[in-house]
Amino acid sequence: MLDTLNDDEREAKLIARSWLVESLLLNPSSILDPPLRALLSLSTITNGHHHDYQHVYDTDAVAHSFEVLRSIVDCLLMGRPTIRPNLIGLLNSKPSAQIVASLVSLFSGDSKLTGGSIQITSMLPAENYLKVMVISTVAFMRGRVLDDSRVAEQSPGWIENALGSDSFGERHRVIAATASEFFSFLVSVLPASMPLSVQLTSSVSDIILGLLVRAIESNDVALQIHILDCLEAIIVTEGSSLAPPSAAPNTSPQTSSIEKSALFLPALLRGLAFSLSGASRRGRKGGYLGLRRRWIIFVQSVI
């Protein structure tokens, strides 16, 4: 039924959306757990402070899960005005014991990691489904494939064969971009007036900035652009939330958690320098020029 939420046939789509709203009100876990279980599969666990994957995970199942979660949120944002508060209430509901156990299994080892790692333990425990979605998304943004052949040797043959002509590393880069897009979307639909929004974005700000620094260090142009979208979504949401209701129209917004972070200014300077120097490199000019334009737009949004 979840796959019918965006069906081309209007009648089937309306039936699916009506079913979704009623089902979520009765039992949120029955709807949210299946796609989240695919995102929190043990096959997606990473190793060490490089966050390198130990096994080839099912990229098709992960991509489908992100698509389903976005369809659920999209559906609840449409229609009656009362749906938006219901969405936040549902996402703020307590996750099932199985989902909590999966989070512990995947990320409890983060506390033992040394410098250079991007730890998710600071966001645990996850008190609600909204936080579970954010943690699951960030995990795919931080995961890396440093050695395709080594990962393939430790994975079941059927998964490797399912990749077709694409390498696992190539597939994962698409998933990382998909996860970044979902993160930006999820943050952008949060009501700016709710403390829940600021509490969530504040808890993940340093993690996203750490991912940006790593993307700069690894010369990952595409991921930098996606992460800048994530940062901008956080700043916009917090900027509106933190502004006092009585503030005059020309009053400057208060500083966001991104701008307060000790990682922000160094990341900003390194990113600008990287995009400016890279634009002159032979053979890669087009991509770096696009990155430079994105950095300039981002800087304008925070000034």
C-alpha atoms as a PDB file:
ATOM      1  CA  MET A   1       0.000   0.000   0.000  1.00  0.00           C
ATOM      2  CA  LEU A   2       2.889   2.378   0.733  1.00  0.00           C
ATOM      3  CA  ASP A   3       4.109   1.992  -2.844  1.00  0.00           C
ATOM      4  CA  THR A   4       0.726   3.299  -4.043  1.00  0.00           C
ATOM      5  CA  LEU A   5       1.038   6.685  -2.307  1.00  0.00           C
ATOM      6  CA  ASN A   6       2.336   8.248  -5.534  1.00  0.00           C
ATOM      7  CA  ASP A   7       0.455   6.000  -7.962  1.00  0.00           C
ATOM      8  CA  ASP A   8      -0.459   7.424 -11.368  1.00  0.00           C
ATOM      9  CA  GLU A   9      -4.084   6.382 -10.832  1.00  0.00           C
ATOM     10  CA  ARG A  10      -5.791   9.075  -8.771  1.00  0.00           C
ATOM     11  CA  GLU A  11      -8.300   6.735  -7.118  1.00  0.00           C
ATOM     12  CA  ALA A  12      -5.628   4.285  -5.963  1.00  0.00           C
ATOM     13  CA  LYS A  13      -3.496   7.146  -4.663  1.00  0.00           C
ATOM     14  CA  LEU A  14      -6.372   8.676  -2.661  1.00  0.00           C
ATOM     15  CA  ILE A  15      -7.241   5.303  -1.112  1.00  0.00           C
ATOM     16  CA  ALA A  16      -3.601   4.731  -0.136  1.00  0.00           C
ATOM     17  CA  ARG A  17      -3.273   8.184   1.422  1.00  0.00           C
ATOM     18  CA  SER A  18      -6.504   7.825   3.384  1.00  0.00           C
ATOM     19  CA  TRP A  19      -5.313   4.441   4.651  1.00  0.00           C
ATOM     20  CA  LEU A  20      -1.931   5.917   5.601  1.00  0.00           C
ATOM     21  CA  VAL A  21      -3.367   8.721   7.745  1.00  0.00           C
ATOM     22  CA  GLU A  22      -5.671   6.342   9.621  1.00  0.00           C
ATOM     23  CA  SER A  23      -2.974   3.702  10.095  1.00  0.00           C
ATOM     24  CA  LEU A  24      -0.442   6.205  11.424  1.00  0.00           C
ATOM     25  CA  LEU A  25      -2.921   7.524  13.958  1.00  0.00           C
ATOM     26  CA  LEU A  26      -3.677   3.988  15.162  1.00  0.00           C
ATOM     27  CA  ASN A  27      -0.179   2.491  15.125  1.00  0.00           C
ATOM     28  CA  PRO A  28       2.768   4.607  13.847  1.00  0.00           C
ATOM     29  CA  SER A  29       5.251   1.729  14.295  1.00  0.00           C
ATOM     30  CA  SER A  30       3.420  -0.474  11.795  1.00  0.00           C
ATOM     31  CA  ILE A  31       4.040   2.122   9.065  1.00  0.00           C
ATOM     32  CA  LEU A  32       7.410   3.643  10.003  1.00  0.00           C
ATOM     33  CA  ASP A  33       9.257   0.528  11.159  1.00  0.00           C
ATOM     34  CA  PRO A  34       9.485  -1.384   7.833  1.00  0.00           C
ATOM     35  CA  PRO A  35      11.419   1.289   5.883  1.00  0.00           C
ATOM     36  CA  LEU A  36      13.518   2.142   8.942  1.00  0.00           C
ATOM     37  CA  ARG A  37      14.489  -1.499   9.462  1.00  0.00           C
ATOM     38  CA  ALA A  38      16.027  -1.521   5.981  1.00  0.00           C
ATOM     39  CA  LEU A  39      18.018   1.614   6.824  1.00  0.00           C
ATOM     40  CA  LEU A  40      19.154   0.161  10.151  1.00  0.00           C
ATOM     41  CA  SER A  41      20.111  -3.285   8.887  1.00  0.00           C
ATOM     42  CA  LEU A  42      23.258  -4.760  10.464  1.00  0.00           C
ATOM     43  CA  SER A  43      24.720  -4.997   6.952  1.00  0.00           C
ATOM     44  CA  THR A  44      25.081  -1.177   7.044  1.00  0.00           C
ATOM     45  CA  ILE A  45      27.417  -1.160  10.044  1.00  0.00           C
ATOM     46  CA  THR A  46      30.708   0.688   9.555  1.00  0.00           C
ATOM     47  CA  ASN A  47      34.161   0.090  11.003  1.00  0.00           C
ATOM     48  CA  GLY A  48      36.644   2.415  12.747  1.00  0.00           C
ATOM     49  CA  HIS A  49      36.987   6.179  12.649  1.00  0.00           C
ATOM     50  CA  HIS A  50      36.952   6.133   8.816  1.00  0.00           C
ATOM     51  CA  HIS A  51      33.406   4.689   8.941  1.00  0.00           C
ATOM     52  CA  ASP A  52      34.252   2.161   6.236  1.00  0.00           C
ATOM     53  CA  TYR A  53      31.555  -0.394   5.391  1.00  0.00           C
ATOM     54  CA  GLN A  54      32.297  -3.969   6.415  1.00  0.00           C
ATOM     55  CA  HIS A  55      29.768  -5.528   4.025  1.00  0.00           C
ATOM     56  CA  VAL A  56      27.935  -4.696   0.820  1.00  0.00           C
ATOM     57  CA  TYR A  57      24.459  -3.579   1.842  1.00  0.00           C
ATOM     58  CA  ASP A  58      21.354  -3.707  -0.356  1.00  0.00           C
ATOM     59  CA  THR A  59      21.464  -0.273  -1.993  1.00  0.00           C
ATOM     60  CA  ASP A  60      18.162  -0.814  -3.832  1.00  0.00           C
ATOM     61  CA  ALA A  61      16.328  -1.556  -0.567  1.00  0.00           C
ATOM     62  CA  VAL A  62      17.869   1.519   1.086  1.00  0.00           C
ATOM     63  CA  ALA A  63      16.960   3.793  -1.839  1.00  0.00           C
ATOM     64  CA  HIS A  64      13.397   2.442  -1.782  1.00  0.00           C
ATOM     65  CA  SER A  65      13.139   3.045   1.971  1.00  0.00           C
ATOM     66  CA  PHE A  66      14.137   6.690   1.595  1.00  0.00           C
ATOM     67  CA  GLU A  67      11.558   7.021  -1.183  1.00  0.00           C
ATOM     68  CA  VAL A  68       8.843   5.508   1.030  1.00  0.00           C
ATOM     69  CA  LEU A  69       9.684   7.739   4.001  1.00  0.00           C
ATOM     70  CA  ARG A  70       9.567  10.825   1.815  1.00  0.00           C
ATOM     71  CA  SER A  71       6.220   9.729   0.368  1.00  0.00           C
ATOM     72  CA  ILE A  72       4.828   9.335   3.889  1.00  0.00           C
ATOM     73  CA  VAL A  73       5.932  12.814   4.927  1.00  0.00           C
ATOM     74  CA  ASP A  74       4.798  14.328   1.611  1.00  0.00           C
ATOM     75  CA  CYS A  75       1.395  12.720   1.971  1.00  0.00           C
ATOM     76  CA  LEU A  76       0.859  14.071   5.474  1.00  0.00           C
ATOM     77  CA  LEU A  77       1.855  17.572   4.399  1.00  0.00           C
ATOM     78  CA  MET A  78      -0.876  17.659   1.780  1.00  0.00           C
ATOM     79  CA  GLY A  79      -4.593  18.167   2.182  1.00  0.00           C
ATOM     80  CA  ARG A  80      -6.273  19.378   5.351  1.00  0.00           C
ATOM     81  CA  PRO A  81      -4.571  22.071   7.512  1.00  0.00           C
ATOM     82  CA  THR A  82      -4.757  19.737  10.520  1.00  0.00           C
ATOM     83  CA  ILE A  83      -2.436  17.224   8.886  1.00  0.00           C
ATOM     84  CA  ARG A  84       0.797  19.163   9.568  1.00  0.00           C
ATOM     85  CA  PRO A  85       0.401  19.120  13.396  1.00  0.00           C
ATOM     86  CA  ASN A  86      -0.500  15.444  13.119  1.00  0.00           C
ATOM     87  CA  LEU A  87       2.715  14.805  11.199  1.00  0.00           C
ATOM     88  CA  ILE A  88       4.862  16.356  13.911  1.00  0.00           C
ATOM     89  CA  GLY A  89       2.944  14.525  16.608  1.00  0.00           C
ATOM     90  CA  LEU A  90       3.454  11.209  14.857  1.00  0.00           C
ATOM     91  CA  LEU A  91       7.127  11.777  14.228  1.00  0.00           C
ATOM     92  CA  ASN A  92       7.476  12.775  17.884  1.00  0.00           C
ATOM     93  CA  SER A  93       6.005   9.437  19.006  1.00  0.00           C
ATOM     94  CA  LYS A  94       8.207   6.921  20.784  1.00  0.00           C
ATOM     95  CA  PRO A  95       9.973   4.405  18.496  1.00  0.00           C
ATOM     96  CA  SER A  96       9.408   0.683  18.883  1.00  0.00           C
ATOM     97  CA  ALA A  97      11.719  -1.501  20.956  1.00  0.00           C
ATOM     98  CA  GLN A  98      13.046  -3.179  17.793  1.00  0.00           C
ATOM     99  CA  ILE A  99      14.102   0.147  16.272  1.00  0.00           C
ATOM    100  CA  VAL A 100      15.763   1.229  19.521  1.00  0.00           C
ATOM    101  CA  ALA A 101      17.666  -2.068  19.652  1.00  0.00           C
ATOM    102  CA  SER A 102      18.834  -1.616  16.051  1.00  0.00           C
ATOM    103  CA  LEU A 103      20.199   1.843  16.863  1.00  0.00           C
ATOM    104  CA  VAL A 104      22.142   0.454  19.818  1.00  0.00           C
ATOM    105  CA  SER A 105      23.554  -2.413  17.724  1.00  0.00           C
ATOM    106  CA  LEU A 106      24.746  -0.095  14.964  1.00  0.00           C
ATOM    107  CA  PHE A 107      26.075   2.900  16.863  1.00  0.00           C
ATOM    108  CA  SER A 108      26.990   1.880  20.429  1.00  0.00           C
ATOM    109  CA  GLY A 109      30.601   1.398  19.317  1.00  0.00           C
ATOM    110  CA  ASP A 110      30.909   5.053  18.300  1.00  0.00           C
ATOM    111  CA  SER A 111      31.896   6.019  21.846  1.00  0.00           C
ATOM    112  CA  LYS A 112      35.121   3.998  21.483  1.00  0.00           C
ATOM    113  CA  LEU A 113      36.230   5.806  18.328  1.00  0.00           C
ATOM    114  CA  THR A 114      39.218   8.135  18.378  1.00  0.00           C
ATOM    115  CA  GLY A 115      39.863  11.506  16.748  1.00  0.00           C
ATOM    116  CA  GLY A 116      38.803  12.030  13.169  1.00  0.00           C
ATOM    117  CA  SER A 117      35.558  10.106  13.604  1.00  0.00           C
ATOM    118  CA  ILE A 118      32.036  11.470  13.215  1.00  0.00           C
ATOM    119  CA  GLN A 119      30.185  10.085  16.207  1.00  0.00           C
ATOM    120  CA  ILE A 120      26.424   9.587  16.308  1.00  0.00           C
ATOM    121  CA  THR A 121      26.298   8.592  19.992  1.00  0.00           C
ATOM    122  CA  SER A 122      25.695  12.251  20.905  1.00  0.00           C
ATOM    123  CA  MET A 123      22.221  11.869  19.370  1.00  0.00           C
ATOM    124  CA  LEU A 124      21.344   8.742  21.342  1.00  0.00           C
ATOM    125  CA  PRO A 125      18.999   7.701  22.758  1.00  0.00           C
ATOM    126  CA  ALA A 126      16.458   8.525  20.053  1.00  0.00           C
ATOM    127  CA  GLU A 127      13.333   9.616  21.890  1.00  0.00           C
ATOM    128  CA  ASN A 128      11.123   9.852  18.800  1.00  0.00           C
ATOM    129  CA  TYR A 129      10.764   8.686  15.210  1.00  0.00           C
ATOM    130  CA  LEU A 130      11.894  12.024  13.861  1.00  0.00           C
ATOM    131  CA  LYS A 131      15.279  11.591  15.523  1.00  0.00           C
ATOM    132  CA  VAL A 132      15.485   7.990  14.291  1.00  0.00           C
ATOM    133  CA  MET A 133      15.016   9.238  10.729  1.00  0.00           C
ATOM    134  CA  VAL A 134      17.741  11.850  11.142  1.00  0.00           C
ATOM    135  CA  ILE A 135      20.207   9.366  12.686  1.00  0.00           C
ATOM    136  CA  SER A 136      19.531   6.795   9.958  1.00  0.00           C
ATOM    137  CA  THR A 137      20.056   9.441   7.290  1.00  0.00           C
ATOM    138  CA  VAL A 138      23.283  10.830   8.746  1.00  0.00           C
ATOM    139  CA  ALA A 139      24.690   7.295   8.998  1.00  0.00           C
ATOM    140  CA  PHE A 140      24.563   6.890   5.216  1.00  0.00           C
ATOM    141  CA  MET A 141      26.074  10.329   4.730  1.00  0.00           C
ATOM    142  CA  ARG A 142      29.088   9.404   6.883  1.00  0.00           C
ATOM    143  CA  GLY A 143      29.596   5.829   5.599  1.00  0.00           C
ATOM    144  CA  ARG A 144      32.442   5.270   3.132  1.00  0.00           C
ATOM    145  CA  VAL A 145      33.670   2.601   0.746  1.00  0.00           C
ATOM    146  CA  LEU A 146      37.458   2.759   0.863  1.00  0.00           C
ATOM    147  CA  ASP A 147      38.151  -0.647  -0.708  1.00  0.00           C
ATOM    148  CA  ASP A 148      35.510  -2.172  -2.977  1.00  0.00           C
ATOM    149  CA  SER A 149      37.281  -5.505  -3.355  1.00  0.00           C
ATOM    150  CA  ARG A 150      37.745  -6.041   0.399  1.00  0.00           C
ATOM    151  CA  VAL A 151      34.080  -5.303   1.160  1.00  0.00           C
ATOM    152  CA  ALA A 152      32.921  -7.574  -1.662  1.00  0.00           C
ATOM    153  CA  GLU A 153      34.980 -10.502  -0.324  1.00  0.00           C
ATOM    154  CA  GLN A 154      33.197 -10.298   3.040  1.00  0.00           C
ATOM    155  CA  SER A 155      29.673 -10.052   1.594  1.00  0.00           C
ATOM    156  CA  PRO A 156      27.170 -12.635   0.294  1.00  0.00           C
ATOM    157  CA  GLY A 157      27.568 -13.300  -3.423  1.00  0.00           C
ATOM    158  CA  TRP A 158      23.940 -12.529  -4.282  1.00  0.00           C
ATOM    159  CA  ILE A 159      24.322  -8.929  -3.089  1.00  0.00           C
ATOM    160  CA  GLU A 160      27.464  -8.402  -5.118  1.00  0.00           C
ATOM    161  CA  ASN A 161      25.760  -9.843  -8.210  1.00  0.00           C
ATOM    162  CA  ALA A 162      22.756  -7.552  -7.692  1.00  0.00           C
ATOM    163  CA  LEU A 163      24.995  -4.503  -8.136  1.00  0.00           C
ATOM    164  CA  GLY A 164      25.370  -5.260 -11.829  1.00  0.00           C
ATOM    165  CA  SER A 165      28.070  -3.299 -13.621  1.00  0.00           C
ATOM    166  CA  ASP A 166      28.216  -0.605 -10.933  1.00  0.00           C
ATOM    167  CA  SER A 167      30.683  -0.953  -8.087  1.00  0.00           C
ATOM    168  CA  PHE A 168      29.477  -0.827  -4.494  1.00  0.00           C
ATOM    169  CA  GLY A 169      31.357   2.450  -4.053  1.00  0.00           C
ATOM    170  CA  GLU A 170      29.481   4.028  -6.948  1.00  0.00           C
ATOM    171  CA  ARG A 171      26.163   2.807  -5.613  1.00  0.00           C
ATOM    172  CA  HIS A 172      26.899   4.077  -2.136  1.00  0.00           C
ATOM    173  CA  ARG A 173      27.762   7.555  -3.428  1.00  0.00           C
ATOM    174  CA  VAL A 174      24.271   7.729  -4.903  1.00  0.00           C
ATOM    175  CA  ILE A 175      22.793   6.616  -1.563  1.00  0.00           C
ATOM    176  CA  ALA A 176      24.822   9.263   0.313  1.00  0.00           C
ATOM    177  CA  ALA A 177      23.425  11.935  -2.018  1.00  0.00           C
ATOM    178  CA  THR A 178      19.895  10.544  -1.576  1.00  0.00           C
ATOM    179  CA  ALA A 179      20.301  10.599   2.206  1.00  0.00           C
ATOM    180  CA  SER A 180      21.503  14.215   2.090  1.00  0.00           C
ATOM    181  CA  GLU A 181      18.510  15.239   0.008  1.00  0.00           C
ATOM    182  CA  PHE A 182      16.128  13.502   2.417  1.00  0.00           C
ATOM    183  CA  PHE A 183      17.787  15.225   5.389  1.00  0.00           C
ATOM    184  CA  SER A 184      17.375  18.660   3.772  1.00  0.00           C
ATOM    185  CA  PHE A 185      13.740  17.891   2.952  1.00  0.00           C
ATOM    186  CA  LEU A 186      12.943  16.626   6.454  1.00  0.00           C
ATOM    187  CA  VAL A 187      14.495  19.649   8.180  1.00  0.00           C
ATOM    188  CA  SER A 188      12.806  22.086   5.780  1.00  0.00           C
ATOM    189  CA  VAL A 189       9.293  20.816   6.622  1.00  0.00           C
ATOM    190  CA  LEU A 190       9.748  21.128  10.390  1.00  0.00           C
ATOM    191  CA  PRO A 191       7.672  23.929  11.912  1.00  0.00           C
ATOM    192  CA  ALA A 192      10.089  26.702  12.826  1.00  0.00           C
ATOM    193  CA  SER A 193       8.050  27.689  15.880  1.00  0.00           C
ATOM    194  CA  MET A 194       8.444  24.355  17.653  1.00  0.00           C
ATOM    195  CA  PRO A 195      11.208  23.743  20.229  1.00  0.00           C
ATOM    196  CA  LEU A 196      11.439  20.179  18.861  1.00  0.00           C
ATOM    197  CA  SER A 197      12.819  21.561  15.588  1.00  0.00           C
ATOM    198  CA  VAL A 198      15.641  23.556  17.182  1.00  0.00           C
ATOM    199  CA  GLN A 199      16.460  20.791  19.650  1.00  0.00           C
ATOM    200  CA  LEU A 200      16.864  18.318  16.794  1.00  0.00           C
ATOM    201  CA  THR A 201      18.872  20.540  14.455  1.00  0.00           C
ATOM    202  CA  SER A 202      21.156  21.688  17.289  1.00  0.00           C
ATOM    203  CA  SER A 203      21.993  18.074  18.146  1.00  0.00           C
ATOM    204  CA  VAL A 204      23.110  17.313  14.589  1.00  0.00           C
ATOM    205  CA  SER A 205      24.874  20.573  13.616  1.00  0.00           C
ATOM    206  CA  ASP A 206      28.425  19.506  14.533  1.00  0.00           C
ATOM    207  CA  ILE A 207      27.920  16.150  12.809  1.00  0.00           C
ATOM    208  CA  ILE A 208      26.880  17.791   9.525  1.00  0.00           C
ATOM    209  CA  LEU A 209      29.770  20.255   9.733  1.00  0.00           C
ATOM    210  CA  GLY A 210      32.143  17.346  10.353  1.00  0.00           C
ATOM    211  CA  LEU A 211      30.793  15.647   7.238  1.00  0.00           C
ATOM    212  CA  LEU A 212      31.399  18.845   5.261  1.00  0.00           C
ATOM    213  CA  VAL A 213      35.025  19.044   6.420  1.00  0.00           C
ATOM    214  CA  ARG A 214      35.574  15.418   5.438  1.00  0.00           C
ATOM    215  CA  ALA A 215      33.994  15.998   2.006  1.00  0.00           C
ATOM    216  CA  ILE A 216      36.393  18.913   1.470  1.00  0.00           C
ATOM    217  CA  GLU A 217      39.389  16.811   2.537  1.00  0.00           C
ATOM    218  CA  SER A 218      38.401  13.976   0.190  1.00  0.00           C
ATOM    219  CA  ASN A 219      37.746  16.318  -2.778  1.00  0.00           C
ATOM    220  CA  ASP A 220      34.123  15.135  -2.966  1.00  0.00           C
ATOM    221  CA  VAL A 221      32.491  17.950  -4.928  1.00  0.00           C
ATOM    222  CA  ALA A 222      29.012  16.404  -5.237  1.00  0.00           C
ATOM    223  CA  LEU A 223      28.701  15.605  -1.523  1.00  0.00           C
ATOM    224  CA  GLN A 224      29.869  19.100  -0.571  1.00  0.00           C
ATOM    225  CA  ILE A 225      26.996  20.586  -2.549  1.00  0.00           C
ATOM    226  CA  HIS A 226      24.465  18.274  -0.902  1.00  0.00           C
ATOM    227  CA  ILE A 227      25.816  18.968   2.595  1.00  0.00           C
ATOM    228  CA  LEU A 228      25.658  22.721   1.987  1.00  0.00           C
ATOM    229  CA  ASP A 229      21.955  22.212   1.247  1.00  0.00           C
ATOM    230  CA  CYS A 230      21.636  20.430   4.617  1.00  0.00           C
ATOM    231  CA  LEU A 231      23.386  23.255   6.466  1.00  0.00           C
ATOM    232  CA  GLU A 232      21.251  25.859   4.772  1.00  0.00           C
ATOM    233  CA  ALA A 233      18.074  23.984   5.749  1.00  0.00           C
ATOM    234  CA  ILE A 234      19.199  23.955   9.392  1.00  0.00           C
ATOM    235  CA  ILE A 235      20.044  27.667   9.360  1.00  0.00           C
ATOM    236  CA  VAL A 236      16.715  28.626   7.773  1.00  0.00           C
ATOM    237  CA  THR A 237      14.714  26.506  10.235  1.00  0.00           C
ATOM    238  CA  GLU A 238      16.582  27.778  13.283  1.00  0.00           C
ATOM    239  CA  GLY A 239      16.702  31.352  12.025  1.00  0.00           C
ATOM    240  CA  SER A 240      12.932  31.513  11.899  1.00  0.00           C
ATOM    241  CA  SER A 241      12.527  29.623  15.174  1.00  0.00           C
ATOM    242  CA  LEU A 242      15.001  31.692  17.170  1.00  0.00           C
ATOM    243  CA  ALA A 243      13.670  35.075  16.062  1.00  0.00           C
ATOM    244  CA  PRO A 244      11.570  36.605  18.894  1.00  0.00           C
ATOM    245  CA  PRO A 245       7.863  36.995  17.949  1.00  0.00           C
ATOM    246  CA  SER A 246       8.009  40.689  18.872  1.00  0.00           C
ATOM    247  CA  ALA A 247      11.111  41.398  16.789  1.00  0.00           C
ATOM    248  CA  ALA A 248      10.858  44.211  14.281  1.00  0.00           C
ATOM    249  CA  PRO A 249      10.877  43.223  10.580  1.00  0.00           C
ATOM    250  CA  ASN A 250      14.374  44.652  10.089  1.00  0.00           C
ATOM    251  CA  THR A 251      15.812  42.935  13.175  1.00  0.00           C
ATOM    252  CA  SER A 252      18.691  40.570  12.418  1.00  0.00           C
ATOM    253  CA  PRO A 253      17.928  36.891  13.163  1.00  0.00           C
ATOM    254  CA  GLN A 254      19.717  35.237  16.047  1.00  0.00           C
ATOM    255  CA  THR A 255      22.744  33.049  15.418  1.00  0.00           C
ATOM    256  CA  SER A 256      22.012  29.433  14.496  1.00  0.00           C
ATOM    257  CA  SER A 257      23.695  26.390  16.028  1.00  0.00           C
ATOM    258  CA  ILE A 258      25.672  26.005  12.788  1.00  0.00           C
ATOM    259  CA  GLU A 259      27.167  29.487  13.081  1.00  0.00           C
ATOM    260  CA  LYS A 260      27.881  29.001  16.804  1.00  0.00           C
ATOM    261  CA  SER A 261      29.842  25.801  16.215  1.00  0.00           C
ATOM    262  CA  ALA A 262      33.625  25.905  16.515  1.00  0.00           C
ATOM    263  CA  LEU A 263      33.751  23.929  13.257  1.00  0.00           C
ATOM    264  CA  PHE A 264      31.830  26.513  11.252  1.00  0.00           C
ATOM    265  CA  LEU A 265      34.424  29.190  10.448  1.00  0.00           C
ATOM    266  CA  PRO A 266      37.287  26.758   9.663  1.00  0.00           C
ATOM    267  CA  ALA A 267      34.964  24.739   7.407  1.00  0.00           C
ATOM    268  CA  LEU A 268      33.763  27.907   5.689  1.00  0.00           C
ATOM    269  CA  LEU A 269      37.288  29.127   4.963  1.00  0.00           C
ATOM    270  CA  ARG A 270      38.524  25.716   3.801  1.00  0.00           C
ATOM    271  CA  GLY A 271      35.502  25.192   1.581  1.00  0.00           C
ATOM    272  CA  LEU A 272      35.827  28.562  -0.115  1.00  0.00           C
ATOM    273  CA  ALA A 273      39.567  28.081  -0.637  1.00  0.00           C
ATOM    274  CA  PHE A 274      38.988  24.585  -2.039  1.00  0.00           C
ATOM    275  CA  SER A 275      36.302  25.728  -4.490  1.00  0.00           C
ATOM    276  CA  LEU A 276      38.336  28.729  -5.664  1.00  0.00           C
ATOM    277  CA  SER A 277      41.576  26.817  -6.160  1.00  0.00           C
ATOM    278  CA  GLY A 278      39.833  23.828  -7.726  1.00  0.00           C
ATOM    279  CA  ALA A 279      38.099  25.912 -10.382  1.00  0.00           C
ATOM    280  CA  SER A 280      41.446  26.485 -12.100  1.00  0.00           C
ATOM    281  CA  ARG A 281      42.458  22.806 -12.182  1.00  0.00           C
ATOM    282  CA  ARG A 282      42.689  21.301 -15.633  1.00  0.00           C
ATOM    283  CA  GLY A 283      40.029  18.814 -16.593  1.00  0.00           C
ATOM    284  CA  ARG A 284      37.739  19.501 -13.624  1.00  0.00           C
ATOM    285  CA  LYS A 285      36.826  23.128 -14.189  1.00  0.00           C
ATOM    286  CA  GLY A 286      33.083  22.683 -14.728  1.00  0.00           C
ATOM    287  CA  GLY A 287      32.407  20.814 -11.486  1.00  0.00           C
ATOM    288  CA  TYR A 288      34.495  23.171  -9.391  1.00  0.00           C
ATOM    289  CA  LEU A 289      32.842  26.254 -10.902  1.00  0.00           C
ATOM    290  CA  GLY A 290      29.472  24.806  -9.880  1.00  0.00           C
ATOM    291  CA  LEU A 291      30.814  24.175  -6.392  1.00  0.00           C
ATOM    292  CA  ARG A 292      32.175  27.707  -6.155  1.00  0.00           C
ATOM    293  CA  ARG A 293      28.782  29.146  -7.088  1.00  0.00           C
ATOM    294  CA  ARG A 294      27.119  26.963  -4.414  1.00  0.00           C
ATOM    295  CA  TRP A 295      29.598  28.115  -1.787  1.00  0.00           C
ATOM    296  CA  ILE A 296      28.997  31.759  -2.684  1.00  0.00           C
ATOM    297  CA  ILE A 297      25.219  31.260  -2.363  1.00  0.00           C
ATOM    298  CA  PHE A 298      25.722  29.574   1.018  1.00  0.00           C
ATOM    299  CA  VAL A 299      27.938  32.390   2.309  1.00  0.00           C
ATOM    300  CA  GLN A 300      25.329  34.938   1.239  1.00  0.00           C
ATOM    301  CA  SER A 301      22.669  33.073   3.219  1.00  0.00           C
ATOM    302  CA  VAL A 302      24.659  33.264   6.462  1.00  0.00           C
ATOM    303  CA  ILE A 303      25.865  36.870   6.198  1.00  0.00           C
END
